[in-house]
Amino acid sequence: MDAFRDVWILRGKYVAFILVGESFQRSPAFTVPESAQRWANQVRQEKELAE
């Protein structure tokens, strides 16, 4: 999934994994990879704003 750096296929659905602090967060399962990547980008932005 070159275009979606955080997205993996898990049980036929697309999920994103991102590192937050010292642990990984997993997105809900999505039917399209764009949604999973959008989730990852949003969580990253929220984390940056909180710091």
PDB file of N, CA and C in Angstrom:
ATOM      1  N   MET A   1       0.850  -1.177   0.000  1.00  0.00           N
ATOM      2  CA  MET A   1       0.000   0.000   0.000  1.00  0.00           C
ATOM      3  C   MET A   1       0.895   1.239   0.000  1.00  0.00           C
ATOM      4  N   ASP A   2       1.559   1.478  -1.100  1.00  0.00           N
ATOM      5  CA  ASP A   2       2.505   2.574  -1.178  1.00  0.00           C
ATOM      6  C   ASP A   2       1.874   3.943  -0.925  1.00  0.00           C
ATOM      7  N   ALA A   3       0.704   4.176  -1.463  1.00  0.00           N
ATOM      8  CA  ALA A   3       0.063   5.487  -1.322  1.00  0.00           C
ATOM      9  C   ALA A   3      -0.488   5.716   0.089  1.00  0.00           C
ATOM     10  N   PHE A   4      -0.657   4.657   0.830  1.00  0.00           N
ATOM     11  CA  PHE A   4      -1.228   4.759   2.167  1.00  0.00           C
ATOM     12  C   PHE A   4      -0.225   4.174   3.159  1.00  0.00           C
ATOM     13  N   ARG A   5       0.658   5.013   3.649  1.00  0.00           N
ATOM     14  CA  ARG A   5       1.807   4.538   4.433  1.00  0.00           C
ATOM     15  C   ARG A   5       1.437   3.889   5.762  1.00  0.00           C
ATOM     16  N   ASP A   6       0.287   4.214   6.312  1.00  0.00           N
ATOM     17  CA  ASP A   6      -0.105   3.678   7.616  1.00  0.00           C
ATOM     18  C   ASP A   6      -1.135   2.567   7.521  1.00  0.00           C
ATOM     19  N   VAL A   7      -1.537   2.203   6.312  1.00  0.00           N
ATOM     20  CA  VAL A   7      -2.685   1.306   6.113  1.00  0.00           C
ATOM     21  C   VAL A   7      -2.229  -0.120   5.814  1.00  0.00           C
ATOM     22  N   TRP A   8      -2.913  -1.053   6.437  1.00  0.00           N
ATOM     23  CA  TRP A   8      -2.667  -2.476   6.240  1.00  0.00           C
ATOM     24  C   TRP A   8      -4.007  -3.165   6.001  1.00  0.00           C
ATOM     25  N   ILE A   9      -3.964  -4.293   5.338  1.00  0.00           N
ATOM     26  CA  ILE A   9      -5.176  -5.088   5.153  1.00  0.00           C
ATOM     27  C   ILE A   9      -5.214  -6.137   6.262  1.00  0.00           C
ATOM     28  N   LEU A  10      -6.308  -6.157   6.984  1.00  0.00           N
ATOM     29  CA  LEU A  10      -6.476  -7.088   8.096  1.00  0.00           C
ATOM     30  C   LEU A  10      -7.855  -7.706   7.984  1.00  0.00           C
ATOM     31  N   ARG A  11      -7.897  -9.017   7.750  1.00  0.00           N
ATOM     32  CA  ARG A  11      -9.156  -9.750   7.600  1.00  0.00           C
ATOM     33  C   ARG A  11     -10.059  -9.136   6.533  1.00  0.00           C
ATOM     34  N   GLY A  12      -9.457  -8.721   5.418  1.00  0.00           N
ATOM     35  CA  GLY A  12     -10.231  -8.196   4.303  1.00  0.00           C
ATOM     36  C   GLY A  12     -10.674  -6.753   4.439  1.00  0.00           C
ATOM     37  N   LYS A  13     -10.299  -6.090   5.512  1.00  0.00           N
ATOM     38  CA  LYS A  13     -10.649  -4.677   5.724  1.00  0.00           C
ATOM     39  C   LYS A  13      -9.356  -3.875   5.833  1.00  0.00           C
ATOM     40  N   TYR A  14      -9.480  -2.572   5.701  1.00  0.00           N
ATOM     41  CA  TYR A  14      -8.319  -1.687   5.793  1.00  0.00           C
ATOM     42  C   TYR A  14      -8.264  -1.058   7.177  1.00  0.00           C
ATOM     43  N   VAL A  15      -7.102  -1.160   7.800  1.00  0.00           N
ATOM     44  CA  VAL A  15      -6.895  -0.543   9.107  1.00  0.00           C
ATOM     45  C   VAL A  15      -5.585   0.234   9.079  1.00  0.00           C
ATOM     46  N   ALA A  16      -5.522   1.275   9.897  1.00  0.00           N
ATOM     47  CA  ALA A  16      -4.308   2.071  10.015  1.00  0.00           C
ATOM     48  C   ALA A  16      -3.713   1.843  11.394  1.00  0.00           C
ATOM     49  N   PHE A  17      -2.397   1.783  11.426  1.00  0.00           N
ATOM     50  CA  PHE A  17      -1.662   1.688  12.687  1.00  0.00           C
ATOM     51  C   PHE A  17      -0.730   2.885  12.750  1.00  0.00           C
ATOM     52  N   ILE A  18      -0.784   3.629  13.862  1.00  0.00           N
ATOM     53  CA  ILE A  18       0.136   4.745  14.034  1.00  0.00           C
ATOM     54  C   ILE A  18       0.739   4.687  15.431  1.00  0.00           C
ATOM     55  N   LEU A  19       1.941   5.194  15.541  1.00  0.00           N
ATOM     56  CA  LEU A  19       2.641   5.244  16.820  1.00  0.00           C
ATOM     57  C   LEU A  19       2.265   6.531  17.526  1.00  0.00           C
ATOM     58  N   VAL A  20       1.710   6.402  18.717  1.00  0.00           N
ATOM     59  CA  VAL A  20       1.341   7.551  19.535  1.00  0.00           C
ATOM     60  C   VAL A  20       2.062   7.398  20.856  1.00  0.00           C
ATOM     61  N   GLY A  21       3.023   8.263  21.073  1.00  0.00           N
ATOM     62  CA  GLY A  21       3.853   8.128  22.265  1.00  0.00           C
ATOM     63  C   GLY A  21       4.699   6.878  22.143  1.00  0.00           C
ATOM     64  N   GLU A  22       4.512   5.951  23.048  1.00  0.00           N
ATOM     65  CA  GLU A  22       5.274   4.707  23.015  1.00  0.00           C
ATOM     66  C   GLU A  22       4.409   3.499  22.678  1.00  0.00           C
ATOM     67  N   SER A  23       3.198   3.730  22.184  1.00  0.00           N
ATOM     68  CA  SER A  23       2.326   2.603  21.837  1.00  0.00           C
ATOM     69  C   SER A  23       1.642   2.866  20.498  1.00  0.00           C
ATOM     70  N   PHE A  24       1.166   1.797  19.892  1.00  0.00           N
ATOM     71  CA  PHE A  24       0.466   1.897  18.623  1.00  0.00           C
ATOM     72  C   PHE A  24      -1.022   2.045  18.869  1.00  0.00           C
ATOM     73  N   GLN A  25      -1.656   2.821  17.996  1.00  0.00           N
ATOM     74  CA  GLN A  25      -3.107   2.901  17.990  1.00  0.00           C
ATOM     75  C   GLN A  25      -3.592   2.300  16.686  1.00  0.00           C
ATOM     76  N   ARG A  26      -4.697   1.604  16.749  1.00  0.00           N
ATOM     77  CA  ARG A  26      -5.275   0.957  15.578  1.00  0.00           C
ATOM     78  C   ARG A  26      -6.606   1.615  15.268  1.00  0.00           C
ATOM     79  N   SER A  27      -6.821   1.880  13.998  1.00  0.00           N
ATOM     80  CA  SER A  27      -8.083   2.486  13.574  1.00  0.00           C
ATOM     81  C   SER A  27      -9.183   1.438  13.578  1.00  0.00           C
ATOM     82  N   PRO A  28     -10.429   1.895  13.461  1.00  0.00           N
ATOM     83  CA  PRO A  28     -11.507   0.943  13.178  1.00  0.00           C
ATOM     84  C   PRO A  28     -11.285   0.341  11.790  1.00  0.00           C
ATOM     85  N   ALA A  29     -11.983  -0.701  11.455  1.00  0.00           N
ATOM     86  CA  ALA A  29     -11.871  -1.319  10.126  1.00  0.00           C
ATOM     87  C   ALA A  29     -12.688  -0.517   9.130  1.00  0.00           C
ATOM     88  N   PHE A  30     -12.090  -0.237   7.976  1.00  0.00           N
ATOM     89  CA  PHE A  30     -12.748   0.514   6.912  1.00  0.00           C
ATOM     90  C   PHE A  30     -12.809  -0.333   5.654  1.00  0.00           C
ATOM     91  N   THR A  31     -13.729  -0.001   4.764  1.00  0.00           N
ATOM     92  CA  THR A  31     -13.851  -0.746   3.506  1.00  0.00           C
ATOM     93  C   THR A  31     -12.970  -0.163   2.411  1.00  0.00           C
ATOM     94  N   VAL A  32     -12.465   1.061   2.582  1.00  0.00           N
ATOM     95  CA  VAL A  32     -11.578   1.682   1.596  1.00  0.00           C
ATOM     96  C   VAL A  32     -10.331   2.205   2.300  1.00  0.00           C
ATOM     97  N   PRO A  33      -9.165   2.093   1.656  1.00  0.00           N
ATOM     98  CA  PRO A  33      -7.925   2.519   2.308  1.00  0.00           C
ATOM     99  C   PRO A  33      -7.852   4.022   2.565  1.00  0.00           C
ATOM    100  N   GLU A  34      -8.527   4.824   1.747  1.00  0.00           N
ATOM    101  CA  GLU A  34      -8.504   6.280   1.953  1.00  0.00           C
ATOM    102  C   GLU A  34      -9.055   6.658   3.327  1.00  0.00           C
ATOM    103  N   SER A  35     -10.078   5.978   3.753  1.00  0.00           N
ATOM    104  CA  SER A  35     -10.680   6.276   5.056  1.00  0.00           C
ATOM    105  C   SER A  35      -9.723   5.958   6.193  1.00  0.00           C
ATOM    106  N   ALA A  36      -9.039   4.844   6.093  1.00  0.00           N
ATOM    107  CA  ALA A  36      -8.092   4.467   7.143  1.00  0.00           C
ATOM    108  C   ALA A  36      -6.936   5.463   7.203  1.00  0.00           C
ATOM    109  N   GLN A  37      -6.434   5.897   6.051  1.00  0.00           N
ATOM    110  CA  GLN A  37      -5.340   6.867   6.044  1.00  0.00           C
ATOM    111  C   GLN A  37      -5.812   8.219   6.567  1.00  0.00           C
ATOM    112  N   ARG A  38      -7.029   8.595   6.226  1.00  0.00           N
ATOM    113  CA  ARG A  38      -7.587   9.858   6.730  1.00  0.00           C
ATOM    114  C   ARG A  38      -7.690   9.818   8.255  1.00  0.00           C
ATOM    115  N   TRP A  39      -8.100   8.682   8.814  1.00  0.00           N
ATOM    116  CA  TRP A  39      -8.160   8.510  10.273  1.00  0.00           C
ATOM    117  C   TRP A  39      -6.767   8.719  10.872  1.00  0.00           C
ATOM    118  N   ALA A  40      -5.753   8.083  10.271  1.00  0.00           N
ATOM    119  CA  ALA A  40      -4.382   8.199  10.786  1.00  0.00           C
ATOM    120  C   ALA A  40      -3.910   9.650  10.750  1.00  0.00           C
ATOM    121  N   ASN A  41      -4.169  10.332   9.659  1.00  0.00           N
ATOM    122  CA  ASN A  41      -3.760  11.734   9.539  1.00  0.00           C
ATOM    123  C   ASN A  41      -4.453  12.598  10.582  1.00  0.00           C
ATOM    124  N   GLN A  42      -5.731  12.357  10.807  1.00  0.00           N
ATOM    125  CA  GLN A  42      -6.494  13.143  11.774  1.00  0.00           C
ATOM    126  C   GLN A  42      -5.983  12.922  13.199  1.00  0.00           C
ATOM    127  N   VAL A  43      -5.727  11.680  13.565  1.00  0.00           N
ATOM    128  CA  VAL A  43      -5.239  11.388  14.912  1.00  0.00           C
ATOM    129  C   VAL A  43      -3.862  12.026  15.116  1.00  0.00           C
ATOM    130  N   ARG A  44      -3.018  11.954  14.089  1.00  0.00           N
ATOM    131  CA  ARG A  44      -1.696  12.591  14.165  1.00  0.00           C
ATOM    132  C   ARG A  44      -1.812  14.103  14.385  1.00  0.00           C
ATOM    133  N   GLN A  45      -2.700  14.747  13.630  1.00  0.00           N
ATOM    134  CA  GLN A  45      -2.893  16.197  13.765  1.00  0.00           C
ATOM    135  C   GLN A  45      -3.409  16.539  15.148  1.00  0.00           C
ATOM    136  N   GLU A  46      -4.356  15.783  15.657  1.00  0.00           N
ATOM    137  CA  GLU A  46      -4.886  16.039  16.999  1.00  0.00           C
ATOM    138  C   GLU A  46      -3.794  15.914  18.042  1.00  0.00           C
ATOM    139  N   LYS A  47      -2.917  14.933  17.880  1.00  0.00           N
ATOM    140  CA  LYS A  47      -1.811  14.750  18.829  1.00  0.00           C
ATOM    141  C   LYS A  47      -0.862  15.942  18.779  1.00  0.00           C
ATOM    142  N   GLU A  48      -0.551  16.420  17.582  1.00  0.00           N
ATOM    143  CA  GLU A  48       0.345  17.569  17.434  1.00  0.00           C
ATOM    144  C   GLU A  48      -0.265  18.829  18.054  1.00  0.00           C
ATOM    145  N   LEU A  49      -1.573  19.023  17.887  1.00  0.00           N
ATOM    146  CA  LEU A  49      -2.234  20.196  18.456  1.00  0.00           C
ATOM    147  C   LEU A  49      -2.271  20.131  19.986  1.00  0.00           C
ATOM    148  N   ALA A  50      -2.339  18.936  20.521  1.00  0.00           N
ATOM    149  CA  ALA A  50      -2.400  18.759  21.980  1.00  0.00           C
ATOM    150  C   ALA A  50      -1.064  19.031  22.652  1.00  0.00           C
ATOM    151  N   GLU A  51       0.003  18.948  21.897  1.00  0.00           N
ATOM    152  CA  GLU A  51       1.339  19.146  22.504  1.00  0.00           C
ATOM    153  C   GLU A  51       1.685  20.595  22.658  1.00  0.00           C
TER     154      GLU A  51
END
